[in-house]
PDB file of N, CA and C in Angstrom:
ATOM      1  N   UNK A   1     110.752 144.559  75.390  1.00  0.00           N
ATOM      2  CA  UNK A   1     109.964 145.049  76.506  1.00  0.00           C
ATOM      3  C   UNK A   1     108.750 144.133  76.697  1.00  0.00           C
ATOM      4  N   UNK A   2     108.418 143.780  77.934  1.00  0.00           N
ATOM      5  CA  UNK A   2     107.260 142.914  78.191  1.00  0.00           C
ATOM      6  C   UNK A   2     105.952 143.588  77.801  1.00  0.00           C
ATOM      7  N   UNK A   3     105.026 142.742  77.362  1.00  0.00           N
ATOM      8  CA  UNK A   3     103.693 143.243  77.011  1.00  0.00           C
ATOM      9  C   UNK A   3     102.687 142.651  77.975  1.00  0.00           C
ATOM     10  N   UNK A   4     101.694 143.449  78.333  1.00  0.00           N
ATOM     11  CA  UNK A   4     100.617 142.962  79.202  1.00  0.00           C
ATOM     12  C   UNK A   4      99.402 142.660  78.338  1.00  0.00           C
ATOM     13  N   UNK A   5      98.750 141.556  78.645  1.00  0.00           N
ATOM     14  CA  UNK A   5      97.542 141.168  77.924  1.00  0.00           C
ATOM     15  C   UNK A   5      96.420 141.075  78.943  1.00  0.00           C
ATOM     16  N   UNK A   6      95.318 141.786  78.679  1.00  0.00           N
ATOM     17  CA  UNK A   6      94.169 141.728  79.583  1.00  0.00           C
ATOM     18  C   UNK A   6      93.502 140.370  79.441  1.00  0.00           C
ATOM     19  N   UNK A   7      93.194 139.784  80.590  1.00  0.00           N
ATOM     20  CA  UNK A   7      92.588 138.468  80.570  1.00  0.00           C
ATOM     21  C   UNK A   7      91.389 138.365  81.486  1.00  0.00           C
ATOM     22  N   UNK A   8      90.613 137.314  81.275  1.00  0.00           N
ATOM     23  CA  UNK A   8      89.435 137.020  82.074  1.00  0.00           C
ATOM     24  C   UNK A   8      89.606 135.611  82.639  1.00  0.00           C
ATOM     25  N   UNK A   9      89.398 135.477  83.950  1.00  0.00           N
ATOM     26  CA  UNK A   9      89.469 134.165  84.584  1.00  0.00           C
ATOM     27  C   UNK A   9      88.155 133.435  84.353  1.00  0.00           C
ATOM     28  N   UNK A  10      88.242 132.244  83.802  1.00  0.00           N
ATOM     29  CA  UNK A  10      87.057 131.422  83.566  1.00  0.00           C
ATOM     30  C   UNK A  10      87.161 130.200  84.464  1.00  0.00           C
ATOM     31  N   UNK A  11      86.114 129.995  85.280  1.00  0.00           N
ATOM     32  CA  UNK A  11      86.023 128.820  86.138  1.00  0.00           C
ATOM     33  C   UNK A  11      84.888 127.955  85.619  1.00  0.00           C
ATOM     34  N   UNK A  12      85.160 126.685  85.388  1.00  0.00           N
ATOM     35  CA  UNK A  12      84.150 125.798  84.819  1.00  0.00           C
ATOM     36  C   UNK A  12      84.468 124.352  85.188  1.00  0.00           C
ATOM     37  N   UNK A  13      83.570 123.462  84.819  1.00  0.00           N
ATOM     38  CA  UNK A  13      83.792 122.029  85.025  1.00  0.00           C
ATOM     39  C   UNK A  13      84.945 121.571  84.136  1.00  0.00           C
ATOM     40  N   UNK A  14      85.650 120.534  84.568  1.00  0.00           N
ATOM     41  CA  UNK A  14      86.750 120.016  83.743  1.00  0.00           C
ATOM     42  C   UNK A  14      86.317 119.617  82.326  1.00  0.00           C
ATOM     43  N   UNK A  15      85.088 119.130  82.180  1.00  0.00           N
ATOM     44  CA  UNK A  15      84.625 118.734  80.842  1.00  0.00           C
ATOM     45  C   UNK A  15      84.493 119.947  79.921  1.00  0.00           C
ATOM     46  N   UNK A  16      83.984 121.062  80.446  1.00  0.00           N
ATOM     47  CA  UNK A  16      83.857 122.290  79.651  1.00  0.00           C
ATOM     48  C   UNK A  16      85.241 122.856  79.358  1.00  0.00           C
ATOM     49  N   UNK A  17      86.127 122.801  80.347  1.00  0.00           N
ATOM     50  CA  UNK A  17      87.481 123.314  80.137  1.00  0.00           C
ATOM     51  C   UNK A  17      88.191 122.538  79.040  1.00  0.00           C
ATOM     52  N   UNK A  18      87.969 121.235  78.980  1.00  0.00           N
ATOM     53  CA  UNK A  18      88.618 120.450  77.925  1.00  0.00           C
ATOM     54  C   UNK A  18      88.118 120.861  76.545  1.00  0.00           C
ATOM     55  N   UNK A  19      86.856 121.253  76.445  1.00  0.00           N
ATOM     56  CA  UNK A  19      86.329 121.750  75.168  1.00  0.00           C
ATOM     57  C   UNK A  19      86.978 123.085  74.826  1.00  0.00           C
ATOM     58  N   UNK A  20      87.136 123.964  75.823  1.00  0.00           N
ATOM     59  CA  UNK A  20      87.787 125.262  75.597  1.00  0.00           C
ATOM     60  C   UNK A  20      89.222 125.051  75.123  1.00  0.00           C
ATOM     61  N   UNK A  21      89.943 124.145  75.757  1.00  0.00           N
ATOM     62  CA  UNK A  21      91.327 123.847  75.350  1.00  0.00           C
ATOM     63  C   UNK A  21      91.350 123.295  73.931  1.00  0.00           C
ATOM     64  N   UNK A  22      90.382 122.470  73.602  1.00  0.00           N
ATOM     65  CA  UNK A  22      90.293 121.907  72.253  1.00  0.00           C
ATOM     66  C   UNK A  22      90.054 123.004  71.216  1.00  0.00           C
ATOM     67  N   UNK A  23      89.165 123.939  71.528  1.00  0.00           N
ATOM     68  CA  UNK A  23      88.895 125.059  70.617  1.00  0.00           C
ATOM     69  C   UNK A  23      90.160 125.889  70.428  1.00  0.00           C
ATOM     70  N   UNK A  24      90.878 126.136  71.519  1.00  0.00           N
ATOM     71  CA  UNK A  24      92.089 126.958  71.462  1.00  0.00           C
ATOM     72  C   UNK A  24      93.238 126.256  70.738  1.00  0.00           C
ATOM     73  N   UNK A  25      93.265 124.947  70.762  1.00  0.00           N
ATOM     74  CA  UNK A  25      94.411 124.220  70.206  1.00  0.00           C
ATOM     75  C   UNK A  25      94.594 124.423  68.703  1.00  0.00           C
ATOM     76  N   UNK A  26      93.532 124.787  68.009  1.00  0.00           N
ATOM     77  CA  UNK A  26      93.635 124.992  66.562  1.00  0.00           C
ATOM     78  C   UNK A  26      94.466 126.224  66.217  1.00  0.00           C
ATOM     79  N   UNK A  27      94.271 127.322  66.963  1.00  0.00           N
ATOM     80  CA  UNK A  27      94.959 128.558  66.585  1.00  0.00           C
ATOM     81  C   UNK A  27      95.639 129.280  67.748  1.00  0.00           C
ATOM     82  N   UNK A  28      95.429 128.829  68.970  1.00  0.00           N
ATOM     83  CA  UNK A  28      96.008 129.457  70.162  1.00  0.00           C
ATOM     84  C   UNK A  28      95.647 130.939  70.262  1.00  0.00           C
ATOM     85  N   UNK A  29      94.393 131.272  69.926  1.00  0.00           N
ATOM     86  CA  UNK A  29      93.933 132.659  69.966  1.00  0.00           C
ATOM     87  C   UNK A  29      93.226 133.029  71.263  1.00  0.00           C
ATOM     88  N   UNK A  30      92.904 132.071  72.114  1.00  0.00           N
ATOM     89  CA  UNK A  30      92.032 132.340  73.251  1.00  0.00           C
ATOM     90  C   UNK A  30      92.731 132.282  74.606  1.00  0.00           C
ATOM     91  N   UNK A  31      93.404 131.211  74.893  1.00  0.00           N
ATOM     92  CA  UNK A  31      93.947 130.972  76.234  1.00  0.00           C
ATOM     93  C   UNK A  31      95.275 131.696  76.430  1.00  0.00           C
ATOM     94  N   UNK A  32      95.348 132.440  77.550  1.00  0.00           N
ATOM     95  CA  UNK A  32      96.602 133.065  77.962  1.00  0.00           C
ATOM     96  C   UNK A  32      97.359 132.105  78.874  1.00  0.00           C
ATOM     97  N   UNK A  33      96.637 131.542  79.852  1.00  0.00           N
ATOM     98  CA  UNK A  33      97.268 130.643  80.818  1.00  0.00           C
ATOM     99  C   UNK A  33      96.285 129.562  81.258  1.00  0.00           C
ATOM    100  N   UNK A  34      96.733 128.336  81.225  1.00  0.00           N
ATOM    101  CA  UNK A  34      95.959 127.192  81.699  1.00  0.00           C
ATOM    102  C   UNK A  34      96.379 126.957  83.148  1.00  0.00           C
ATOM    103  N   UNK A  35      95.490 127.279  84.106  1.00  0.00           N
ATOM    104  CA  UNK A  35      95.876 127.269  85.510  1.00  0.00           C
ATOM    105  C   UNK A  35      95.755 125.896  86.171  1.00  0.00           C
ATOM    106  N   UNK A  36      94.588 125.281  86.078  1.00  0.00           N
ATOM    107  CA  UNK A  36      94.388 123.956  86.661  1.00  0.00           C
ATOM    108  C   UNK A  36      93.203 123.288  85.971  1.00  0.00           C
ATOM    109  N   UNK A  37      92.647 122.245  86.587  1.00  0.00           N
ATOM    110  CA  UNK A  37      91.567 121.480  85.950  1.00  0.00           C
ATOM    111  C   UNK A  37      90.283 122.268  85.752  1.00  0.00           C
ATOM    112  N   UNK A  38      90.092 123.343  86.522  1.00  0.00           N
ATOM    113  CA  UNK A  38      88.827 124.079  86.458  1.00  0.00           C
ATOM    114  C   UNK A  38      88.988 125.559  86.127  1.00  0.00           C
ATOM    115  N   UNK A  39      90.202 126.031  85.923  1.00  0.00           N
ATOM    116  CA  UNK A  39      90.420 127.459  85.699  1.00  0.00           C
ATOM    117  C   UNK A  39      91.359 127.696  84.521  1.00  0.00           C
ATOM    118  N   UNK A  40      91.010 128.718  83.757  1.00  0.00           N
ATOM    119  CA  UNK A  40      91.827 129.112  82.615  1.00  0.00           C
ATOM    120  C   UNK A  40      91.682 130.624  82.447  1.00  0.00           C
ATOM    121  N   UNK A  41      92.754 131.291  82.028  1.00  0.00           N
ATOM    122  CA  UNK A  41      92.705 132.729  81.753  1.00  0.00           C
ATOM    123  C   UNK A  41      92.639 132.896  80.241  1.00  0.00           C
ATOM    124  N   UNK A  42      91.628 133.654  79.795  1.00  0.00           N
ATOM    125  CA  UNK A  42      91.355 133.840  78.374  1.00  0.00           C
ATOM    126  C   UNK A  42      91.515 135.318  78.029  1.00  0.00           C
ATOM    127  N   UNK A  43      91.972 135.602  76.821  1.00  0.00           N
ATOM    128  CA  UNK A  43      92.099 136.986  76.363  1.00  0.00           C
ATOM    129  C   UNK A  43      90.743 137.676  76.440  1.00  0.00           C
ATOM    130  N   UNK A  44      90.734 138.864  77.039  1.00  0.00           N
ATOM    131  CA  UNK A  44      89.486 139.594  77.274  1.00  0.00           C
ATOM    132  C   UNK A  44      88.720 139.862  75.982  1.00  0.00           C
ATOM    133  N   UNK A  45      89.419 140.218  74.925  1.00  0.00           N
ATOM    134  CA  UNK A  45      88.746 140.564  73.673  1.00  0.00           C
ATOM    135  C   UNK A  45      88.256 139.345  72.894  1.00  0.00           C
ATOM    136  N   UNK A  46      88.553 138.136  73.380  1.00  0.00           N
ATOM    137  CA  UNK A  46      88.136 136.914  72.684  1.00  0.00           C
ATOM    138  C   UNK A  46      87.039 136.147  73.423  1.00  0.00           C
ATOM    139  N   UNK A  47      86.552 136.676  74.541  1.00  0.00           N
ATOM    140  CA  UNK A  47      85.564 135.961  75.355  1.00  0.00           C
ATOM    141  C   UNK A  47      84.271 135.727  74.579  1.00  0.00           C
ATOM    142  N   UNK A  48      83.752 136.744  73.902  1.00  0.00           N
ATOM    143  CA  UNK A  48      82.489 136.598  73.162  1.00  0.00           C
ATOM    144  C   UNK A  48      82.622 135.543  72.063  1.00  0.00           C
ATOM    145  N   UNK A  49      83.717 135.573  71.345  1.00  0.00           N
ATOM    146  CA  UNK A  49      83.954 134.595  70.284  1.00  0.00           C
ATOM    147  C   UNK A  49      84.067 133.185  70.862  1.00  0.00           C
ATOM    148  N   UNK A  50      84.754 133.054  71.981  1.00  0.00           N
ATOM    149  CA  UNK A  50      84.898 131.748  72.626  1.00  0.00           C
ATOM    150  C   UNK A  50      83.545 131.225  73.099  1.00  0.00           C
ATOM    151  N   UNK A  51      82.715 132.098  73.678  1.00  0.00           N
ATOM    152  CA  UNK A  51      81.374 131.684  74.115  1.00  0.00           C
ATOM    153  C   UNK A  51      80.570 131.148  72.940  1.00  0.00           C
ATOM    154  N   UNK A  52      80.642 131.844  71.810  1.00  0.00           N
ATOM    155  CA  UNK A  52      79.900 131.424  70.619  1.00  0.00           C
ATOM    156  C   UNK A  52      80.369 130.044  70.147  1.00  0.00           C
ATOM    157  N   UNK A  53      81.681 129.859  70.057  1.00  0.00           N
ATOM    158  CA  UNK A  53      82.211 128.569  69.606  1.00  0.00           C
ATOM    159  C   UNK A  53      81.882 127.455  70.599  1.00  0.00           C
ATOM    160  N   UNK A  54      81.912 127.771  71.891  1.00  0.00           N
ATOM    161  CA  UNK A  54      81.584 126.781  72.910  1.00  0.00           C
ATOM    162  C   UNK A  54      80.117 126.375  72.815  1.00  0.00           C
ATOM    163  N   UNK A  55      79.226 127.341  72.614  1.00  0.00           N
ATOM    164  CA  UNK A  55      77.802 127.029  72.452  1.00  0.00           C
ATOM    165  C   UNK A  55      77.573 126.142  71.232  1.00  0.00           C
ATOM    166  N   UNK A  56      78.261 126.444  70.125  1.00  0.00           N
ATOM    167  CA  UNK A  56      78.136 125.612  68.923  1.00  0.00           C
ATOM    168  C   UNK A  56      78.601 124.184  69.200  1.00  0.00           C
ATOM    169  N   UNK A  57      79.732 124.048  69.877  1.00  0.00           N
ATOM    170  CA  UNK A  57      80.281 122.726  70.173  1.00  0.00           C
ATOM    171  C   UNK A  57      79.347 121.949  71.097  1.00  0.00           C
ATOM    172  N   UNK A  58      78.749 122.631  72.075  1.00  0.00           N
ATOM    173  CA  UNK A  58      77.828 121.953  72.989  1.00  0.00           C
ATOM    174  C   UNK A  58      76.561 121.507  72.266  1.00  0.00           C
ATOM    175  N   UNK A  59      76.079 122.320  71.322  1.00  0.00           N
ATOM    176  CA  UNK A  59      74.898 121.938  70.541  1.00  0.00           C
ATOM    177  C   UNK A  59      75.187 120.695  69.705  1.00  0.00           C
ATOM    178  N   UNK A  60      76.400 120.596  69.166  1.00  0.00           N
ATOM    179  CA  UNK A  60      76.793 119.428  68.370  1.00  0.00           C
ATOM    180  C   UNK A  60      76.796 118.159  69.218  1.00  0.00           C
ATOM    181  N   UNK A  61      77.200 118.284  70.477  1.00  0.00           N
ATOM    182  CA  UNK A  61      77.367 117.118  71.337  1.00  0.00           C
ATOM    183  C   UNK A  61      76.103 116.698  72.068  1.00  0.00           C
ATOM    184  N   UNK A  62      75.096 117.567  72.108  1.00  0.00           N
ATOM    185  CA  UNK A  62      73.857 117.211  72.789  1.00  0.00           C
ATOM    186  C   UNK A  62      73.018 116.304  71.908  1.00  0.00           C
ATOM    187  N   UNK A  63      72.397 115.287  72.490  1.00  0.00           N
ATOM    188  CA  UNK A  63      71.508 114.438  71.684  1.00  0.00           C
ATOM    189  C   UNK A  63      70.260 115.222  71.292  1.00  0.00           C
ATOM    190  N   UNK A  64      69.672 114.925  70.139  1.00  0.00           N
ATOM    191  CA  UNK A  64      68.469 115.650  69.720  1.00  0.00           C
ATOM    192  C   UNK A  64      67.330 115.379  70.695  1.00  0.00           C
ATOM    193  N   UNK A  65      66.520 116.416  70.908  1.00  0.00           N
ATOM    194  CA  UNK A  65      65.389 116.279  71.824  1.00  0.00           C
ATOM    195  C   UNK A  65      64.328 115.397  71.197  1.00  0.00           C
ATOM    196  N   UNK A  66      63.778 114.514  72.006  1.00  0.00           N
ATOM    197  CA  UNK A  66      62.705 113.654  71.529  1.00  0.00           C
ATOM    198  C   UNK A  66      61.377 114.357  71.750  1.00  0.00           C
ATOM    199  N   UNK A  67      60.481 114.185  70.789  1.00  0.00           N
ATOM    200  CA  UNK A  67      59.163 114.789  70.935  1.00  0.00           C
ATOM    201  C   UNK A  67      58.395 114.009  71.985  1.00  0.00           C
ATOM    202  N   UNK A  68      57.711 114.746  72.851  1.00  0.00           N
ATOM    203  CA  UNK A  68      56.931 114.073  73.890  1.00  0.00           C
ATOM    204  C   UNK A  68      55.537 113.796  73.354  1.00  0.00           C
ATOM    205  N   UNK A  69      55.285 112.567  73.016  1.00  0.00           N
ATOM    206  CA  UNK A  69      53.981 112.179  72.480  1.00  0.00           C
ATOM    207  C   UNK A  69      53.040 111.805  73.614  1.00  0.00           C
ATOM    208  N   UNK A  70      52.004 112.580  73.794  1.00  0.00           N
ATOM    209  CA  UNK A  70      51.058 112.305  74.878  1.00  0.00           C
ATOM    210  C   UNK A  70      49.840 111.561  74.350  1.00  0.00           C
ATOM    211  N   UNK A  71      49.998 110.880  73.239  1.00  0.00           N
ATOM    212  CA  UNK A  71      48.873 110.150  72.656  1.00  0.00           C
ATOM    213  C   UNK A  71      48.814 108.744  73.151  1.00  0.00           C
TER     214      UNK A  71
END
């Protein structure tokens, strides 16, 4: 018998979507359907976890902030 899975449509830039796909590729726990370059359907109960992992990944990729020396 078919099963229904509740999902959330996420629309984002292709660069962010590639990070989401990368996160999902390890365990396939997040993405239900990869629609196109800017849209993906994610399991509803995994959205918070995905947001957390995405924030961590973005922090890793951002260059450290330079101190603004006004001296």
